[in-house]
N, C-alpha and C. Protein backbone atom coordinates (compact mmCIF):
# COMPACT_ATOMS: atom_id res chain seq x y z
N MET A 1 0.76 -1.24 0.31
CA MET A 1 -0.09 0.20 -0.03
C MET A 1 0.97 1.31 0.46
N ASN A 2 0.37 2.18 -0.75
CA ASN A 2 1.48 3.52 -0.86
C ASN A 2 1.50 4.27 0.27
N ALA A 3 2.14 5.22 0.66
CA ALA A 3 2.12 6.35 1.58
C ALA A 3 0.92 7.52 1.38
N GLN A 4 0.19 7.40 0.26
CA GLN A 4 -0.79 8.44 0.35
C GLN A 4 -2.31 7.76 0.52
N THR A 5 -2.18 6.72 0.28
CA THR A 5 -3.31 5.69 0.76
C THR A 5 -3.59 5.39 2.48
N VAL A 6 -2.24 5.27 3.12
CA VAL A 6 -2.40 5.22 4.43
C VAL A 6 -2.38 6.54 5.40
N THR A 7 -1.95 7.53 4.37
CA THR A 7 -1.91 8.94 5.39
C THR A 7 -3.11 9.46 4.72
N ALA A 8 -4.26 9.07 4.06
CA ALA A 8 -5.29 9.88 3.62
C ALA A 8 -6.23 9.98 4.62
N GLY A 9 -7.06 11.26 4.42
CA GLY A 9 -7.60 11.45 5.81
C GLY A 9 -7.13 11.54 7.41
N SER A 10 -5.83 12.01 7.40
CA SER A 10 -5.21 12.11 8.50
C SER A 10 -4.32 13.63 8.54
N GLU A 11 -4.41 13.67 9.81
CA GLU A 11 -3.58 15.56 10.27
C GLU A 11 -2.38 15.37 10.93
N ILE A 12 -1.55 16.09 10.39
CA ILE A 12 -0.19 15.79 10.67
C ILE A 12 -0.45 16.59 12.37
N VAL A 13 0.41 15.61 13.52
CA VAL A 13 0.45 16.04 14.60
C VAL A 13 1.87 16.87 15.22
N VAL A 14 2.88 15.88 14.61
CA VAL A 14 4.21 16.73 14.60
C VAL A 14 4.99 16.69 13.38
N GLU A 15 5.97 17.34 13.11
CA GLU A 15 6.78 17.15 12.27
C GLU A 15 8.28 17.50 12.62
N LEU A 16 9.00 16.49 12.53
CA LEU A 16 10.34 17.18 13.01
C LEU A 16 11.40 17.83 11.91
N PRO A 17 11.58 19.16 12.28
CA PRO A 17 12.51 19.74 11.50
C PRO A 17 13.82 19.53 11.44
N GLY A 18 14.47 19.63 10.22
CA GLY A 18 15.77 19.45 10.11
C GLY A 18 16.06 17.97 10.01
N PHE A 19 15.36 16.80 9.60
CA PHE A 19 15.41 15.82 9.44
C PHE A 19 15.88 15.68 7.87
N THR A 20 17.30 14.97 7.48
CA THR A 20 17.90 14.53 6.54
C THR A 20 17.83 13.15 6.29
N SER A 21 17.70 13.20 4.90
CA SER A 21 17.91 11.65 4.09
C SER A 21 19.34 11.19 4.38
N TYR A 22 19.61 9.92 4.82
CA TYR A 22 20.94 9.58 4.66
C TYR A 22 21.71 9.46 3.61
N TYR A 23 20.98 9.05 2.28
CA TYR A 23 21.46 8.92 1.24
C TYR A 23 21.56 9.92 0.18
N LYS A 24 20.88 10.95 0.50
CA LYS A 24 20.89 12.18 -0.17
C LYS A 24 21.49 13.45 0.57
N GLY A 25 21.34 13.36 1.44
CA GLY A 25 21.56 14.57 2.81
C GLY A 25 20.84 15.50 2.02
N THR A 26 19.72 15.54 1.95
CA THR A 26 18.66 16.63 1.56
C THR A 26 17.56 16.47 3.06
N PRO A 27 16.85 17.57 3.20
CA PRO A 27 15.74 17.36 4.26
C PRO A 27 14.77 16.15 3.16
N THR A 28 14.05 16.17 4.30
CA THR A 28 13.07 14.98 4.21
C THR A 28 12.09 15.13 5.34
N PRO A 29 10.92 14.83 4.79
CA PRO A 29 9.75 14.96 6.15
C PRO A 29 9.90 13.97 7.11
N PHE A 30 9.65 14.22 8.22
CA PHE A 30 9.70 12.75 9.20
C PHE A 30 8.53 13.43 10.21
N ARG A 31 7.24 12.93 9.59
CA ARG A 31 6.04 13.35 10.74
C ARG A 31 5.05 12.12 11.53
N LEU A 32 4.73 12.67 12.46
CA LEU A 32 3.79 11.57 13.17
C LEU A 32 2.28 12.08 12.77
N ARG A 33 1.08 11.34 12.10
CA ARG A 33 -0.20 11.46 12.05
C ARG A 33 -1.04 11.17 12.80
N ARG A 34 -2.37 11.86 12.56
CA ARG A 34 -3.53 10.93 13.14
C ARG A 34 -4.60 11.18 12.18
N ARG A 35 -5.18 9.67 12.33
CA ARG A 35 -6.20 9.52 11.00
C ARG A 35 -7.60 9.98 11.74
N GLU A 36 -8.40 10.99 10.55
CA GLU A 36 -9.27 11.48 11.53
C GLU A 36 -10.71 10.47 11.78
N HIS A 37 -10.76 9.72 10.86
CA HIS A 37 -12.26 8.84 10.92
C HIS A 37 -11.71 7.44 12.39
N ASP A 38 -10.76 7.29 12.69
CA ASP A 38 -10.63 6.39 13.41
C ASP A 38 -9.68 6.47 14.68
N GLY A 39 -8.74 7.60 14.64
CA GLY A 39 -8.03 7.87 15.24
C GLY A 39 -6.64 7.28 15.61
N ALA A 40 -6.30 6.50 14.21
CA ALA A 40 -5.03 5.85 14.23
C ALA A 40 -3.80 6.77 14.35
N TRP A 41 -2.88 6.18 14.85
CA TRP A 41 -1.31 6.81 14.80
C TRP A 41 -0.74 6.37 13.36
N LEU A 42 -0.03 7.28 12.67
CA LEU A 42 0.67 7.18 11.68
C LEU A 42 1.86 7.67 11.73
N TYR A 43 3.11 7.13 11.11
CA TYR A 43 4.46 7.48 10.72
C TYR A 43 4.61 7.76 9.38
N GLU A 44 5.27 8.86 8.92
CA GLU A 44 5.47 9.18 7.61
C GLU A 44 6.85 9.86 7.38
N LEU A 45 7.40 9.12 6.56
CA LEU A 45 8.93 9.53 6.18
C LEU A 45 9.15 9.57 5.03
N GLY A 46 9.92 10.48 4.31
CA GLY A 46 10.38 10.78 3.04
C GLY A 46 10.97 9.59 2.59
N SER A 47 10.98 8.94 1.60
CA SER A 47 11.96 7.75 1.10
C SER A 47 13.38 8.12 0.29
N PRO A 48 14.41 7.48 0.72
CA PRO A 48 15.31 8.04 0.09
C PRO A 48 15.88 7.33 -1.53
N VAL A 49 15.03 6.35 -1.53
CA VAL A 49 15.31 5.93 -3.18
C VAL A 49 13.89 6.50 -4.03
N ALA A 50 14.24 6.75 -5.53
CA ALA A 50 13.23 7.42 -5.96
C ALA A 50 12.02 6.66 -6.38
N ALA A 51 12.20 4.87 -6.50
CA ALA A 51 11.07 3.80 -6.73
C ALA A 51 9.98 3.96 -5.73
N VAL A 52 10.18 4.93 -4.65
CA VAL A 52 9.29 4.83 -3.41
C VAL A 52 9.07 6.37 -2.93
N GLU A 53 7.77 6.98 -3.22
CA GLU A 53 7.70 8.35 -2.71
C GLU A 53 8.11 8.74 -1.31
N ALA A 54 7.32 7.85 -0.48
CA ALA A 54 7.34 7.86 0.81
C ALA A 54 7.11 6.49 1.69
N LEU A 55 7.43 6.83 2.96
CA LEU A 55 7.15 5.18 3.61
C LEU A 55 6.18 5.79 4.73
N ALA A 56 4.97 4.96 5.20
CA ALA A 56 4.15 5.27 6.07
C ALA A 56 3.36 4.10 6.42
N GLY A 57 2.95 4.22 7.83
CA GLY A 57 2.73 2.48 8.48
C GLY A 57 1.73 3.10 9.56
N VAL A 58 0.86 2.40 9.95
CA VAL A 58 0.03 2.98 11.23
C VAL A 58 1.12 2.22 12.35
N ALA A 59 1.17 3.23 13.67
CA ALA A 59 2.08 2.84 14.83
C ALA A 59 1.04 2.56 15.82
N ARG A 60 1.09 1.83 16.49
CA ARG A 60 0.65 1.37 17.81
C ARG A 60 0.43 2.79 18.61
N GLU A 61 -0.88 3.03 19.45
CA GLU A 61 -0.44 4.69 20.51
C GLU A 61 0.34 4.18 21.68
N GLU A 62 0.71 2.81 22.20
CA GLU A 62 1.50 3.00 23.04
C GLU A 62 3.01 2.56 22.45
N ASP A 63 3.33 2.47 21.32
CA ASP A 63 4.58 2.78 20.72
C ASP A 63 4.92 4.47 20.51
N ILE A 64 3.78 4.87 20.10
CA ILE A 64 4.12 6.51 20.30
C ILE A 64 4.30 7.27 21.57
N ARG A 65 3.55 6.72 22.51
CA ARG A 65 3.78 7.02 23.77
C ARG A 65 5.00 6.70 24.37
N ALA A 66 5.74 5.41 24.30
CA ALA A 66 6.95 5.15 24.60
C ALA A 66 7.94 5.74 23.88
N PHE A 67 7.64 6.33 22.64
CA PHE A 67 8.91 7.26 21.95
C PHE A 67 8.53 8.55 22.45
N ALA A 68 7.73 9.65 22.94
CA ALA A 68 7.77 10.23 23.39
C ALA A 68 8.06 10.44 24.64
N HIS A 69 7.88 9.07 25.81
CA HIS A 69 8.62 9.42 27.51
C HIS A 69 10.37 9.12 26.95
N GLY A 70 10.49 8.44 25.96
CA GLY A 70 11.81 8.20 25.56
C GLY A 70 12.74 9.33 25.39
N ILE A 71 12.14 10.03 24.74
CA ILE A 71 12.97 11.22 24.03
C ILE A 71 13.21 11.86 25.74
N LEU A 72 12.28 12.23 26.06
CA LEU A 72 12.10 12.94 28.05
C LEU A 72 13.51 12.38 28.90
N GLU A 73 13.17 10.66 28.98
CA GLU A 73 14.01 10.04 29.57
C GLU A 73 15.49 10.30 29.39
N VAL A 74 15.64 10.28 27.77
CA VAL A 74 17.18 10.34 27.31
C VAL A 74 17.89 11.74 27.47
N LEU A 75 17.11 12.99 27.71
CA LEU A 75 17.56 14.09 27.92
C LEU A 75 17.48 14.27 29.26
N ALA A 76 16.80 13.30 30.03
CA ALA A 76 16.65 13.98 31.48
C ALA A 76 18.39 13.38 31.88
N VAL A 77 18.45 12.10 31.57
CA VAL A 77 19.71 11.11 32.04
C VAL A 77 21.08 11.94 31.14
N GLY A 78 20.59 12.58 30.17
CA GLY A 78 21.90 12.83 29.23
C GLY A 78 22.79 11.81 28.29
N GLY A 79 22.13 10.26 28.13
CA GLY A 79 22.70 9.29 27.46
C GLY A 79 21.95 8.36 27.48
N GLY A 80 22.48 7.61 27.05
CA GLY A 80 21.61 6.17 26.30
C GLY A 80 21.19 6.17 24.67
N GLU A 81 20.86 5.10 24.24
CA GLU A 81 20.52 4.91 22.92
C GLU A 81 19.63 4.00 22.73
N PRO A 82 18.19 4.41 23.39
CA PRO A 82 17.25 3.37 23.10
C PRO A 82 16.40 3.47 21.81
N ASP A 83 15.73 2.36 21.16
CA ASP A 83 15.25 2.18 20.37
C ASP A 83 13.86 2.32 20.47
N PHE A 84 13.09 2.73 19.50
CA PHE A 84 11.55 2.55 19.63
C PHE A 84 10.65 1.89 18.27
N PRO A 85 10.48 0.76 18.35
CA PRO A 85 9.48 0.47 16.84
C PRO A 85 8.47 1.34 16.97
N LEU A 86 8.27 2.01 15.52
CA LEU A 86 6.90 2.38 15.28
C LEU A 86 6.23 1.89 14.57
N TYR A 87 6.16 0.61 13.95
CA TYR A 87 5.50 -0.40 13.14
C TYR A 87 6.44 -1.64 12.87
N ASP A 88 5.71 -2.61 12.78
CA ASP A 88 6.22 -3.69 12.76
C ASP A 88 4.50 -4.58 11.98
N ASP A 89 5.10 -5.02 10.56
CA ASP A 89 4.07 -5.76 10.07
C ASP A 89 4.49 -7.33 10.07
N GLY A 90 5.54 -7.77 10.54
CA GLY A 90 6.32 -8.89 10.33
C GLY A 90 7.06 -9.09 9.08
N TYR A 91 6.80 -8.43 7.93
CA TYR A 91 7.72 -7.93 7.19
C TYR A 91 8.66 -6.75 7.17
N ALA A 92 8.37 -5.80 7.52
CA ALA A 92 9.24 -4.65 7.81
C ALA A 92 9.08 -3.87 9.00
N GLU A 93 9.92 -3.23 9.84
CA GLU A 93 9.71 -2.73 10.85
C GLU A 93 10.39 -1.83 10.69
N THR A 94 9.72 -0.11 11.18
CA THR A 94 10.41 0.89 11.47
C THR A 94 10.84 1.30 12.57
N ILE A 95 12.10 1.86 13.01
CA ILE A 95 12.41 1.67 14.32
C ILE A 95 12.96 3.28 14.58
N VAL A 96 13.00 3.87 15.54
CA VAL A 96 13.44 5.27 15.68
C VAL A 96 14.51 5.13 16.91
N THR A 97 15.76 5.57 16.76
CA THR A 97 16.49 5.94 18.06
C THR A 97 16.75 7.35 18.55
N VAL A 98 16.75 7.47 19.59
CA VAL A 98 17.26 8.60 20.05
C VAL A 98 18.16 8.45 21.04
N GLY A 99 19.45 9.43 21.14
CA GLY A 99 20.51 9.19 21.82
C GLY A 99 21.29 9.70 21.72
N TYR A 100 22.59 9.48 22.47
CA TYR A 100 23.76 10.44 22.70
C TYR A 100 24.89 9.37 21.85
N GLY A 101 25.64 9.92 20.94
CA GLY A 101 26.80 9.15 20.55
C GLY A 101 27.91 9.77 19.59
N PRO A 102 28.45 10.88 19.97
CA PRO A 102 28.52 11.82 21.65
C PRO A 102 27.50 12.70 21.55
N GLU A 103 27.07 13.06 20.22
CA GLU A 103 26.05 14.51 20.25
C GLU A 103 24.42 13.55 19.98
N LEU A 104 23.49 14.40 20.62
CA LEU A 104 22.47 13.92 20.30
C LEU A 104 21.97 14.12 18.94
N TYR A 105 21.16 12.65 19.03
CA TYR A 105 20.71 12.41 17.56
C TYR A 105 19.19 11.45 17.42
N LEU A 106 18.72 11.70 16.65
CA LEU A 106 17.45 11.08 16.61
C LEU A 106 17.69 10.57 14.65
N CYS A 107 17.23 9.00 14.47
CA CYS A 107 17.60 8.30 13.35
C CYS A 107 16.50 7.38 13.49
N VAL A 108 16.11 6.80 12.20
CA VAL A 108 15.02 6.17 11.55
C VAL A 108 15.86 5.24 10.67
N GLU A 109 15.29 4.19 10.89
CA GLU A 109 15.89 2.99 9.95
C GLU A 109 14.59 2.03 9.83
N ALA A 110 14.84 1.19 8.86
CA ALA A 110 13.93 0.33 8.50
C ALA A 110 14.62 -0.96 8.55
N VAL A 111 13.85 -2.25 8.81
CA VAL A 111 14.71 -3.67 8.69
C VAL A 111 13.32 -4.45 8.12
N PHE A 112 14.09 -5.17 7.27
CA PHE A 112 13.02 -6.12 6.64
C PHE A 112 13.29 -7.71 7.17
N SER A 113 12.39 -8.25 7.26
CA SER A 113 12.47 -9.84 7.53
C SER A 113 13.02 -10.42 6.69
N LEU A 114 14.37 -11.23 6.94
CA LEU A 114 15.16 -11.94 5.91
C LEU A 114 14.23 -13.23 5.89
N ALA A 115 13.49 -13.79 6.41
CA ALA A 115 12.56 -14.74 6.03
C ALA A 115 11.59 -14.38 5.04
N ALA A 116 11.37 -13.32 5.18
CA ALA A 116 9.83 -12.79 4.07
C ALA A 116 10.58 -12.39 2.93
N ASP A 117 12.05 -11.50 2.99
CA ASP A 117 12.03 -10.64 2.06
C ASP A 117 13.50 -10.76 1.11
N ARG A 118 14.03 -11.65 1.59
CA ARG A 118 15.25 -12.70 0.82
C ARG A 118 14.67 -13.15 -0.32
N VAL A 119 15.08 -13.15 -1.72
CA VAL A 119 14.96 -13.71 -2.92
C VAL A 119 15.93 -14.74 -3.55
N GLY A 120 17.19 -14.69 -2.91
CA GLY A 120 18.16 -15.22 -3.73
C GLY A 120 19.41 -14.51 -3.18
N THR A 121 20.47 -15.35 -3.99
CA THR A 121 21.89 -15.30 -3.83
C THR A 121 22.20 -14.60 -5.06
N SER A 122 23.04 -13.34 -4.95
CA SER A 122 23.72 -13.11 -6.26
C SER A 122 24.86 -13.64 -6.68
N PRO A 123 25.40 -13.64 -8.04
CA PRO A 123 26.89 -14.71 -8.02
C PRO A 123 27.95 -14.10 -7.33
N SER A 124 28.45 -13.29 -6.50
CA SER A 124 29.08 -13.12 -5.94
C SER A 124 28.89 -13.02 -4.51
N GLY A 125 27.62 -14.17 -4.21
CA GLY A 125 27.33 -14.87 -2.74
C GLY A 125 26.65 -13.42 -1.95
N GLU A 126 25.97 -12.31 -2.52
CA GLU A 126 25.50 -11.42 -1.39
C GLU A 126 24.26 -11.46 -1.50
N PRO A 127 23.34 -11.27 -0.70
CA PRO A 127 21.74 -12.00 -0.21
C PRO A 127 21.03 -10.64 -1.61
N LEU A 128 20.00 -11.11 -2.05
CA LEU A 128 19.22 -10.28 -2.86
C LEU A 128 17.95 -10.19 -2.00
N TYR A 129 17.32 -9.02 -1.91
CA TYR A 129 16.03 -8.91 -1.44
C TYR A 129 14.97 -8.27 -2.11
N SER A 130 13.65 -8.40 -2.09
CA SER A 130 12.68 -7.80 -3.09
C SER A 130 12.41 -6.50 -2.60
N ASN A 131 12.58 -5.97 -1.55
CA ASN A 131 12.38 -4.61 -1.10
C ASN A 131 13.14 -3.96 -2.03
N PRO A 132 12.39 -2.48 -2.27
CA PRO A 132 12.89 -1.25 -3.37
C PRO A 132 14.44 -0.82 -2.77
N PHE A 133 14.94 -1.12 -1.35
CA PHE A 133 16.24 -0.58 -0.57
C PHE A 133 16.95 -1.48 -1.30
N GLY A 134 17.09 -2.73 -1.66
CA GLY A 134 17.64 -3.71 -2.06
C GLY A 134 18.93 -4.15 -0.72
N GLY A 135 18.25 -4.51 0.56
CA GLY A 135 18.99 -4.54 1.83
C GLY A 135 17.89 -5.02 2.74
N SER A 136 18.59 -5.72 4.21
CA SER A 136 17.92 -6.27 5.55
C SER A 136 17.55 -5.00 5.99
N HIS A 137 18.58 -4.02 6.24
CA HIS A 137 18.86 -3.02 7.26
C HIS A 137 19.20 -1.55 6.49
N VAL A 138 18.09 -0.51 6.67
CA VAL A 138 18.34 0.38 5.75
C VAL A 138 18.15 1.85 6.72
N TYR A 139 19.14 2.65 6.64
CA TYR A 139 19.03 3.53 7.58
C TYR A 139 18.22 4.78 6.65
N LEU A 140 17.26 5.46 7.23
CA LEU A 140 16.65 6.22 6.27
C LEU A 140 16.80 7.47 6.33
N GLY A 141 17.23 8.25 7.68
CA GLY A 141 17.29 9.57 7.76
C GLY A 141 17.45 9.86 9.41
N GLU A 142 18.11 11.22 9.42
CA GLU A 142 18.50 11.63 10.72
C GLU A 142 18.16 12.99 10.78
N ILE A 143 18.46 13.17 12.37
CA ILE A 143 18.81 14.59 12.72
C ILE A 143 19.75 14.81 13.62
N SER A 144 21.06 15.40 13.31
CA SER A 144 22.09 15.06 14.03
C SER A 144 23.00 16.35 13.90
N PRO A 145 23.88 16.80 14.69
CA PRO A 145 23.25 16.82 16.06
C PRO A 145 21.42 17.44 16.59
N ALA A 146 20.96 16.99 17.17
CA ALA A 146 19.79 17.31 17.57
C ALA A 146 19.87 18.48 18.48
N GLU A 147 18.73 19.64 18.49
CA GLU A 147 18.49 20.12 19.50
C GLU A 147 17.62 19.46 20.81
N PRO A 148 18.28 19.63 21.76
CA PRO A 148 17.08 18.79 22.95
C PRO A 148 16.15 20.02 22.87
N GLU A 149 15.82 21.11 22.90
CA GLU A 149 14.34 21.95 23.10
C GLU A 149 13.87 21.35 21.98
N VAL A 150 14.17 20.94 20.48
CA VAL A 150 13.40 20.65 19.67
C VAL A 150 12.83 19.13 19.65
N LEU A 151 13.88 18.33 20.22
CA LEU A 151 13.14 16.96 20.63
C LEU A 151 12.01 16.97 22.02
N THR A 152 12.28 17.85 23.11
CA THR A 152 11.50 18.08 24.26
C THR A 152 10.09 18.54 23.42
N ALA A 153 10.14 19.39 22.66
CA ALA A 153 8.71 20.08 22.21
C ALA A 153 7.90 18.49 21.29
N LEU A 154 8.61 18.35 20.45
CA LEU A 154 8.62 16.89 20.07
C LEU A 154 7.49 16.29 21.15
N ALA A 155 8.44 15.45 22.05
CA ALA A 155 7.81 14.97 22.66
C ALA A 155 6.69 15.29 23.53
N ARG A 156 6.53 16.75 23.81
CA ARG A 156 5.54 17.36 24.63
C ARG A 156 4.31 17.47 23.55
N GLU A 157 4.71 17.74 22.71
CA GLU A 157 3.61 17.55 21.34
C GLU A 157 2.66 16.30 21.38
N LEU A 158 3.53 15.34 21.72
CA LEU A 158 2.63 13.78 20.91
C LEU A 158 2.47 13.65 22.23
N LEU A 159 2.63 13.84 23.62
CA LEU A 159 2.17 13.45 24.87
C LEU A 159 0.63 14.15 25.26
N ALA A 160 0.81 15.36 24.55
CA ALA A 160 -0.18 16.52 24.93
C ALA A 160 -1.33 15.85 23.46
N ALA A 161 -0.82 15.42 22.60
CA ALA A 161 -2.22 14.72 21.63
C ALA A 161 -2.62 13.16 22.13
N LEU A 162 -1.66 12.43 22.60
CA LEU A 162 -2.18 11.12 23.16
C LEU A 162 -3.08 11.50 24.17
N ASP A 163 -2.72 12.73 24.99
CA ASP A 163 -3.62 12.95 26.44
C ASP A 163 -4.72 13.66 26.15
N GLY A 164 -5.10 14.51 24.91
CA GLY A 164 -5.95 15.19 24.64
C GLY A 164 -7.35 14.29 24.40
């Protein structure tokens, strides 16, 4: 299903400014949205490859809440690099990591199931995958260094929307 179909009838709750594609180094959208008719949470991320306009999927409310609380915890402690799954359908998983390494950052990656996605082996012995990224683990984008104030505002906006 394409991103436009997934995000149809939704509104942007938060958009992270300064998010850039790993591959192109250009700004790319990273948004968390809420669908109007059923209240479902969605993530939307600009794609680093031309074959895919954007990535989008339904995120569980408890995962959005854990992500928001996790941002605040990392900032309060001043360390750590926890991962927060936003989407997992058994074939593809979208994970956000917030942490210090050594500067504060936020990155998003996609992980594809080896069993479901691998389609063979190249003549040189490299695994071949059916997803448009051609790999089992794809870094999609980041904001680094991230501003603590920006991430704090993101977390608070998410929590307000969840509790509102």
